[in-house]
Amino acid sequence: MSRYIYPRTSLTRSAIGRLGAACGNLRPEPERVPDLLRDVRAAQLEDHVAYVLSQAPPLTDEQRARIVALLGGGE
């Protein structure tokens, strides 16, 4: 059983695949791993947020502002 309760999108699966390829034995690219890991985490966050938002009533303006601030896009 997957430890994730939300479905993974093709964006997330692709990011995981690129990370796996960079870590693989055929042509390892360790210098790319930090950026690829960041991409995987961002895709996973996007999947999770989309899932949570689909299960709840719409957010208020105040709630949206707090979340935007957490992501560094707010003041």
PDB file of N, CA and C in Angstrom:
ATOM      1  N   MET A   1       0.837  -1.184   0.000  1.00  0.00           N
ATOM      2  CA  MET A   1       0.000   0.000   0.000  1.00  0.00           C
ATOM      3  C   MET A   1       0.882   1.248   0.000  1.00  0.00           C
ATOM      4  N   SER A   2       0.498   2.222  -0.808  1.00  0.00           N
ATOM      5  CA  SER A   2       1.238   3.472  -0.887  1.00  0.00           C
ATOM      6  C   SER A   2       1.077   4.258   0.404  1.00  0.00           C
ATOM      7  N   ARG A   3       2.104   4.976   0.779  1.00  0.00           N
ATOM      8  CA  ARG A   3       1.990   5.794   1.989  1.00  0.00           C
ATOM      9  C   ARG A   3       1.318   7.124   1.703  1.00  0.00           C
ATOM     10  N   TYR A   4       1.069   7.408   0.442  1.00  0.00           N
ATOM     11  CA  TYR A   4       0.397   8.643   0.058  1.00  0.00           C
ATOM     12  C   TYR A   4      -1.100   8.389  -0.051  1.00  0.00           C
ATOM     13  N   ILE A   5      -1.903   9.309   0.498  1.00  0.00           N
ATOM     14  CA  ILE A   5      -3.343   9.131   0.456  1.00  0.00           C
ATOM     15  C   ILE A   5      -3.963   9.816  -0.752  1.00  0.00           C
ATOM     16  N   TYR A   6      -3.171  10.518  -1.522  1.00  0.00           N
ATOM     17  CA  TYR A   6      -3.667  11.233  -2.690  1.00  0.00           C
ATOM     18  C   TYR A   6      -3.038  10.631  -3.940  1.00  0.00           C
ATOM     19  N   PRO A   7      -3.711  10.747  -5.063  1.00  0.00           N
ATOM     20  CA  PRO A   7      -3.153  10.180  -6.297  1.00  0.00           C
ATOM     21  C   PRO A   7      -1.970  11.000  -6.804  1.00  0.00           C
ATOM     22  N   ARG A   8      -0.996  10.315  -7.342  1.00  0.00           N
ATOM     23  CA  ARG A   8       0.151  11.003  -7.945  1.00  0.00           C
ATOM     24  C   ARG A   8      -0.170  11.341  -9.389  1.00  0.00           C
ATOM     25  N   THR A   9       0.129  12.556  -9.779  1.00  0.00           N
ATOM     26  CA  THR A   9      -0.090  12.969 -11.159  1.00  0.00           C
ATOM     27  C   THR A   9       1.084  12.523 -12.027  1.00  0.00           C
ATOM     28  N   SER A  10       0.907  12.669 -13.332  1.00  0.00           N
ATOM     29  CA  SER A  10       1.992  12.314 -14.239  1.00  0.00           C
ATOM     30  C   SER A  10       3.200  13.228 -14.014  1.00  0.00           C
ATOM     31  N   LEU A  11       2.971  14.458 -13.587  1.00  0.00           N
ATOM     32  CA  LEU A  11       4.079  15.369 -13.276  1.00  0.00           C
ATOM     33  C   LEU A  11       4.944  14.797 -12.158  1.00  0.00           C
ATOM     34  N   THR A  12       4.304  14.295 -11.116  1.00  0.00           N
ATOM     35  CA  THR A  12       5.040  13.710  -9.991  1.00  0.00           C
ATOM     36  C   THR A  12       5.749  12.435 -10.413  1.00  0.00           C
ATOM     37  N   ARG A  13       5.060  11.582 -11.136  1.00  0.00           N
ATOM     38  CA  ARG A  13       5.694  10.327 -11.574  1.00  0.00           C
ATOM     39  C   ARG A  13       6.894  10.604 -12.482  1.00  0.00           C
ATOM     40  N   SER A  14       6.778  11.606 -13.343  1.00  0.00           N
ATOM     41  CA  SER A  14       7.904  11.962 -14.217  1.00  0.00           C
ATOM     42  C   SER A  14       9.084  12.506 -13.411  1.00  0.00           C
ATOM     43  N   ALA A  15       8.793  13.347 -12.427  1.00  0.00           N
ATOM     44  CA  ALA A  15       9.859  13.912 -11.590  1.00  0.00           C
ATOM     45  C   ALA A  15      10.578  12.805 -10.819  1.00  0.00           C
ATOM     46  N   ILE A  16       9.811  11.856 -10.301  1.00  0.00           N
ATOM     47  CA  ILE A  16      10.419  10.722  -9.589  1.00  0.00           C
ATOM     48  C   ILE A  16      11.276   9.896 -10.539  1.00  0.00           C
ATOM     49  N   GLY A  17      10.795   9.710 -11.752  1.00  0.00           N
ATOM     50  CA  GLY A  17      11.570   8.958 -12.746  1.00  0.00           C
ATOM     51  C   GLY A  17      12.875   9.644 -13.104  1.00  0.00           C
ATOM     52  N   ARG A  18      12.846  10.965 -13.276  1.00  0.00           N
ATOM     53  CA  ARG A  18      14.082  11.702 -13.589  1.00  0.00           C
ATOM     54  C   ARG A  18      15.077  11.608 -12.435  1.00  0.00           C
ATOM     55  N   LEU A  19      14.558  11.697 -11.204  1.00  0.00           N
ATOM     56  CA  LEU A  19      15.428  11.567 -10.045  1.00  0.00           C
ATOM     57  C   LEU A  19      16.044  10.171  -9.999  1.00  0.00           C
ATOM     58  N   GLY A  20      15.228   9.161 -10.233  1.00  0.00           N
ATOM     59  CA  GLY A  20      15.738   7.789 -10.233  1.00  0.00           C
ATOM     60  C   GLY A  20      16.797   7.576 -11.298  1.00  0.00           C
ATOM     61  N   ALA A  21      16.601   8.166 -12.470  1.00  0.00           N
ATOM     62  CA  ALA A  21      17.581   8.029 -13.547  1.00  0.00           C
ATOM     63  C   ALA A  21      18.897   8.705 -13.178  1.00  0.00           C
ATOM     64  N   ALA A  22      18.814   9.851 -12.532  1.00  0.00           N
ATOM     65  CA  ALA A  22      20.034  10.569 -12.136  1.00  0.00           C
ATOM     66  C   ALA A  22      20.795   9.822 -11.050  1.00  0.00           C
ATOM     67  N   CYS A  23      20.086   9.009 -10.276  1.00  0.00           N
ATOM     68  CA  CYS A  23      20.718   8.244  -9.199  1.00  0.00           C
ATOM     69  C   CYS A  23      21.103   6.835  -9.653  1.00  0.00           C
ATOM     70  N   GLY A  24      20.737   6.478 -10.873  1.00  0.00           N
ATOM     71  CA  GLY A  24      20.910   5.108 -11.341  1.00  0.00           C
ATOM     72  C   GLY A  24      22.336   4.732 -11.658  1.00  0.00           C
ATOM     73  N   ASN A  25      22.495   3.484 -12.055  1.00  0.00           N
ATOM     74  CA  ASN A  25      23.823   2.941 -12.343  1.00  0.00           C
ATOM     75  C   ASN A  25      24.274   3.163 -13.777  1.00  0.00           C
ATOM     76  N   LEU A  26      23.367   3.413 -14.704  1.00  0.00           N
ATOM     77  CA  LEU A  26      23.758   3.543 -16.106  1.00  0.00           C
ATOM     78  C   LEU A  26      24.579   4.798 -16.362  1.00  0.00           C
ATOM     79  N   ARG A  27      24.038   5.932 -16.018  1.00  0.00           N
ATOM     80  CA  ARG A  27      24.753   7.200 -16.159  1.00  0.00           C
ATOM     81  C   ARG A  27      24.413   8.092 -14.974  1.00  0.00           C
ATOM     82  N   PRO A  28      24.986   7.844 -13.823  1.00  0.00           N
ATOM     83  CA  PRO A  28      24.643   8.649 -12.648  1.00  0.00           C
ATOM     84  C   PRO A  28      25.041  10.111 -12.839  1.00  0.00           C
ATOM     85  N   GLU A  29      24.193  10.987 -12.358  1.00  0.00           N
ATOM     86  CA  GLU A  29      24.444  12.428 -12.430  1.00  0.00           C
ATOM     87  C   GLU A  29      24.195  13.037 -11.044  1.00  0.00           C
ATOM     88  N   PRO A  30      25.101  12.783 -10.103  1.00  0.00           N
ATOM     89  CA  PRO A  30      24.867  13.239  -8.728  1.00  0.00           C
ATOM     90  C   PRO A  30      24.719  14.755  -8.595  1.00  0.00           C
ATOM     91  N   GLU A  31      25.299  15.511  -9.512  1.00  0.00           N
ATOM     92  CA  GLU A  31      25.198  16.970  -9.421  1.00  0.00           C
ATOM     93  C   GLU A  31      23.764  17.458  -9.683  1.00  0.00           C
ATOM     94  N   ARG A  32      22.944  16.653 -10.345  1.00  0.00           N
ATOM     95  CA  ARG A  32      21.557  17.031 -10.641  1.00  0.00           C
ATOM     96  C   ARG A  32      20.588  16.641  -9.523  1.00  0.00           C
ATOM     97  N   VAL A  33      21.018  15.792  -8.618  1.00  0.00           N
ATOM     98  CA  VAL A  33      20.110  15.241  -7.609  1.00  0.00           C
ATOM     99  C   VAL A  33      19.429  16.313  -6.751  1.00  0.00           C
ATOM    100  N   PRO A  34      20.122  17.325  -6.228  1.00  0.00           N
ATOM    101  CA  PRO A  34      19.419  18.323  -5.403  1.00  0.00           C
ATOM    102  C   PRO A  34      18.282  19.029  -6.147  1.00  0.00           C
ATOM    103  N   ASP A  35      18.519  19.427  -7.400  1.00  0.00           N
ATOM    104  CA  ASP A  35      17.468  20.093  -8.171  1.00  0.00           C
ATOM    105  C   ASP A  35      16.322  19.138  -8.478  1.00  0.00           C
ATOM    106  N   LEU A  36      16.646  17.901  -8.809  1.00  0.00           N
ATOM    107  CA  LEU A  36      15.604  16.926  -9.115  1.00  0.00           C
ATOM    108  C   LEU A  36      14.792  16.567  -7.877  1.00  0.00           C
ATOM    109  N   LEU A  37      15.440  16.483  -6.735  1.00  0.00           N
ATOM    110  CA  LEU A  37      14.732  16.208  -5.490  1.00  0.00           C
ATOM    111  C   LEU A  37      13.779  17.361  -5.155  1.00  0.00           C
ATOM    112  N   ARG A  38      14.224  18.583  -5.391  1.00  0.00           N
ATOM    113  CA  ARG A  38      13.353  19.754  -5.191  1.00  0.00           C
ATOM    114  C   ARG A  38      12.124  19.658  -6.099  1.00  0.00           C
ATOM    115  N   ASP A  39      12.340  19.239  -7.363  1.00  0.00           N
ATOM    116  CA  ASP A  39      11.229  19.099  -8.303  1.00  0.00           C
ATOM    117  C   ASP A  39      10.242  18.034  -7.846  1.00  0.00           C
ATOM    118  N   VAL A  40      10.747  16.923  -7.309  1.00  0.00           N
ATOM    119  CA  VAL A  40       9.876  15.859  -6.799  1.00  0.00           C
ATOM    120  C   VAL A  40       9.052  16.384  -5.638  1.00  0.00           C
ATOM    121  N   ARG A  41       9.695  17.055  -4.698  1.00  0.00           N
ATOM    122  CA  ARG A  41       8.981  17.576  -3.523  1.00  0.00           C
ATOM    123  C   ARG A  41       7.923  18.601  -3.923  1.00  0.00           C
ATOM    124  N   ALA A  42       8.243  19.468  -4.885  1.00  0.00           N
ATOM    125  CA  ALA A  42       7.267  20.459  -5.342  1.00  0.00           C
ATOM    126  C   ALA A  42       6.074  19.774  -6.013  1.00  0.00           C
ATOM    127  N   ALA A  43       6.330  18.764  -6.822  1.00  0.00           N
ATOM    128  CA  ALA A  43       5.243  18.040  -7.484  1.00  0.00           C
ATOM    129  C   ALA A  43       4.380  17.298  -6.461  1.00  0.00           C
ATOM    130  N   GLN A  44       5.022  16.713  -5.452  1.00  0.00           N
ATOM    131  CA  GLN A  44       4.263  16.023  -4.410  1.00  0.00           C
ATOM    132  C   GLN A  44       3.402  17.008  -3.625  1.00  0.00           C
ATOM    133  N   LEU A  45       3.951  18.173  -3.330  1.00  0.00           N
ATOM    134  CA  LEU A  45       3.190  19.199  -2.617  1.00  0.00           C
ATOM    135  C   LEU A  45       1.987  19.635  -3.450  1.00  0.00           C
ATOM    136  N   GLU A  46       2.206  19.835  -4.733  1.00  0.00           N
ATOM    137  CA  GLU A  46       1.111  20.224  -5.624  1.00  0.00           C
ATOM    138  C   GLU A  46       0.007  19.161  -5.632  1.00  0.00           C
ATOM    139  N   ASP A  47       0.401  17.894  -5.717  1.00  0.00           N
ATOM    140  CA  ASP A  47      -0.584  16.802  -5.686  1.00  0.00           C
ATOM    141  C   ASP A  47      -1.374  16.821  -4.378  1.00  0.00           C
ATOM    142  N   HIS A  48      -0.660  16.987  -3.278  1.00  0.00           N
ATOM    143  CA  HIS A  48      -1.316  16.950  -1.973  1.00  0.00           C
ATOM    144  C   HIS A  48      -2.275  18.130  -1.804  1.00  0.00           C
ATOM    145  N   VAL A  49      -1.838  19.308  -2.186  1.00  0.00           N
ATOM    146  CA  VAL A  49      -2.693  20.490  -2.057  1.00  0.00           C
ATOM    147  C   VAL A  49      -3.943  20.324  -2.923  1.00  0.00           C
ATOM    148  N   ALA A  50      -3.773  19.853  -4.147  1.00  0.00           N
ATOM    149  CA  ALA A  50      -4.925  19.644  -5.029  1.00  0.00           C
ATOM    150  C   ALA A  50      -5.899  18.648  -4.415  1.00  0.00           C
ATOM    151  N   TYR A  51      -5.374  17.584  -3.817  1.00  0.00           N
ATOM    152  CA  TYR A  51      -6.231  16.577  -3.187  1.00  0.00           C
ATOM    153  C   TYR A  51      -6.986  17.172  -1.998  1.00  0.00           C
ATOM    154  N   VAL A  52      -6.284  17.868  -1.132  1.00  0.00           N
ATOM    155  CA  VAL A  52      -6.917  18.436   0.060  1.00  0.00           C
ATOM    156  C   VAL A  52      -7.986  19.453  -0.344  1.00  0.00           C
ATOM    157  N   LEU A  53      -7.673  20.297  -1.315  1.00  0.00           N
ATOM    158  CA  LEU A  53      -8.638  21.306  -1.746  1.00  0.00           C
ATOM    159  C   LEU A  53      -9.871  20.674  -2.392  1.00  0.00           C
ATOM    160  N   SER A  54      -9.700  19.531  -3.020  1.00  0.00           N
ATOM    161  CA  SER A  54     -10.845  18.870  -3.649  1.00  0.00           C
ATOM    162  C   SER A  54     -11.773  18.227  -2.622  1.00  0.00           C
ATOM    163  N   GLN A  55     -11.298  18.049  -1.399  1.00  0.00           N
ATOM    164  CA  GLN A  55     -12.069  17.382  -0.352  1.00  0.00           C
ATOM    165  C   GLN A  55     -12.737  18.349   0.619  1.00  0.00           C
ATOM    166  N   ALA A  56     -12.555  19.650   0.438  1.00  0.00           N
ATOM    167  CA  ALA A  56     -13.032  20.616   1.424  1.00  0.00           C
ATOM    168  C   ALA A  56     -13.764  21.761   0.734  1.00  0.00           C
ATOM    169  N   PRO A  57     -14.499  22.537   1.506  1.00  0.00           N
ATOM    170  CA  PRO A  57     -15.120  23.743   0.938  1.00  0.00           C
ATOM    171  C   PRO A  57     -14.029  24.730   0.496  1.00  0.00           C
ATOM    172  N   PRO A  58     -14.378  25.684  -0.341  1.00  0.00           N
ATOM    173  CA  PRO A  58     -13.378  26.669  -0.795  1.00  0.00           C
ATOM    174  C   PRO A  58     -12.749  27.417   0.392  1.00  0.00           C
ATOM    175  N   LEU A  59     -11.484  27.769   0.220  1.00  0.00           N
ATOM    176  CA  LEU A  59     -10.772  28.520   1.253  1.00  0.00           C
ATOM    177  C   LEU A  59     -11.259  29.964   1.284  1.00  0.00           C
ATOM    178  N   THR A  60     -11.156  30.565   2.446  1.00  0.00           N
ATOM    179  CA  THR A  60     -11.457  31.989   2.566  1.00  0.00           C
ATOM    180  C   THR A  60     -10.255  32.781   2.041  1.00  0.00           C
ATOM    181  N   ASP A  61     -10.460  34.051   1.810  1.00  0.00           N
ATOM    182  CA  ASP A  61      -9.349  34.912   1.359  1.00  0.00           C
ATOM    183  C   ASP A  61      -8.220  34.920   2.384  1.00  0.00           C
ATOM    184  N   GLU A  62      -8.578  34.956   3.669  1.00  0.00           N
ATOM    185  CA  GLU A  62      -7.565  34.959   4.734  1.00  0.00           C
ATOM    186  C   GLU A  62      -6.758  33.653   4.726  1.00  0.00           C
ATOM    187  N   GLN A  63      -7.420  32.537   4.558  1.00  0.00           N
ATOM    188  CA  GLN A  63      -6.718  31.242   4.509  1.00  0.00           C
ATOM    189  C   GLN A  63      -5.781  31.183   3.310  1.00  0.00           C
ATOM    190  N   ARG A  64      -6.258  31.656   2.159  1.00  0.00           N
ATOM    191  CA  ARG A  64      -5.402  31.670   0.962  1.00  0.00           C
ATOM    192  C   ARG A  64      -4.180  32.546   1.177  1.00  0.00           C
ATOM    193  N   ALA A  65      -4.373  33.694   1.791  1.00  0.00           N
ATOM    194  CA  ALA A  65      -3.257  34.614   2.044  1.00  0.00           C
ATOM    195  C   ALA A  65      -2.207  33.969   2.948  1.00  0.00           C
ATOM    196  N   ARG A  66      -2.643  33.241   3.972  1.00  0.00           N
ATOM    197  CA  ARG A  66      -1.680  32.573   4.866  1.00  0.00           C
ATOM    198  C   ARG A  66      -0.890  31.507   4.119  1.00  0.00           C
ATOM    199  N   ILE A  67      -1.559  30.777   3.251  1.00  0.00           N
ATOM    200  CA  ILE A  67      -0.865  29.719   2.499  1.00  0.00           C
ATOM    201  C   ILE A  67       0.120  30.332   1.503  1.00  0.00           C
ATOM    202  N   VAL A  68      -0.294  31.392   0.841  1.00  0.00           N
ATOM    203  CA  VAL A  68       0.612  32.074  -0.096  1.00  0.00           C
ATOM    204  C   VAL A  68       1.842  32.583   0.651  1.00  0.00           C
ATOM    205  N   ALA A  69       1.645  33.123   1.857  1.00  0.00           N
ATOM    206  CA  ALA A  69       2.771  33.614   2.651  1.00  0.00           C
ATOM    207  C   ALA A  69       3.725  32.472   2.996  1.00  0.00           C
ATOM    208  N   LEU A  70       3.186  31.296   3.298  1.00  0.00           N
ATOM    209  CA  LEU A  70       4.051  30.137   3.585  1.00  0.00           C
ATOM    210  C   LEU A  70       4.918  29.775   2.391  1.00  0.00           C
ATOM    211  N   LEU A  71       4.381  29.947   1.209  1.00  0.00           N
ATOM    212  CA  LEU A  71       5.114  29.598  -0.005  1.00  0.00           C
ATOM    213  C   LEU A  71       6.069  30.699  -0.455  1.00  0.00           C
ATOM    214  N   GLY A  72       6.101  31.805   0.260  1.00  0.00           N
ATOM    215  CA  GLY A  72       7.050  32.864  -0.059  1.00  0.00           C
ATOM    216  C   GLY A  72       6.529  33.872  -1.049  1.00  0.00           C
ATOM    217  N   GLY A  73       5.255  33.793  -1.385  1.00  0.00           N
ATOM    218  CA  GLY A  73       4.701  34.728  -2.343  1.00  0.00           C
ATOM    219  C   GLY A  73       3.921  35.851  -1.702  1.00  0.00           C
ATOM    220  N   GLY A  74       3.906  35.888  -0.388  1.00  0.00           N
ATOM    221  CA  GLY A  74       3.132  36.912   0.308  1.00  0.00           C
ATOM    222  C   GLY A  74       4.010  37.803   1.145  1.00  0.00           C
ATOM    223  N   GLU A  75       3.372  38.711   1.799  1.00  0.00           N
ATOM    224  CA  GLU A  75       4.138  39.652   2.629  1.00  0.00           C
ATOM    225  C   GLU A  75       3.940  39.367   4.089  1.00  0.00           C
TER     226      GLU A  75
END
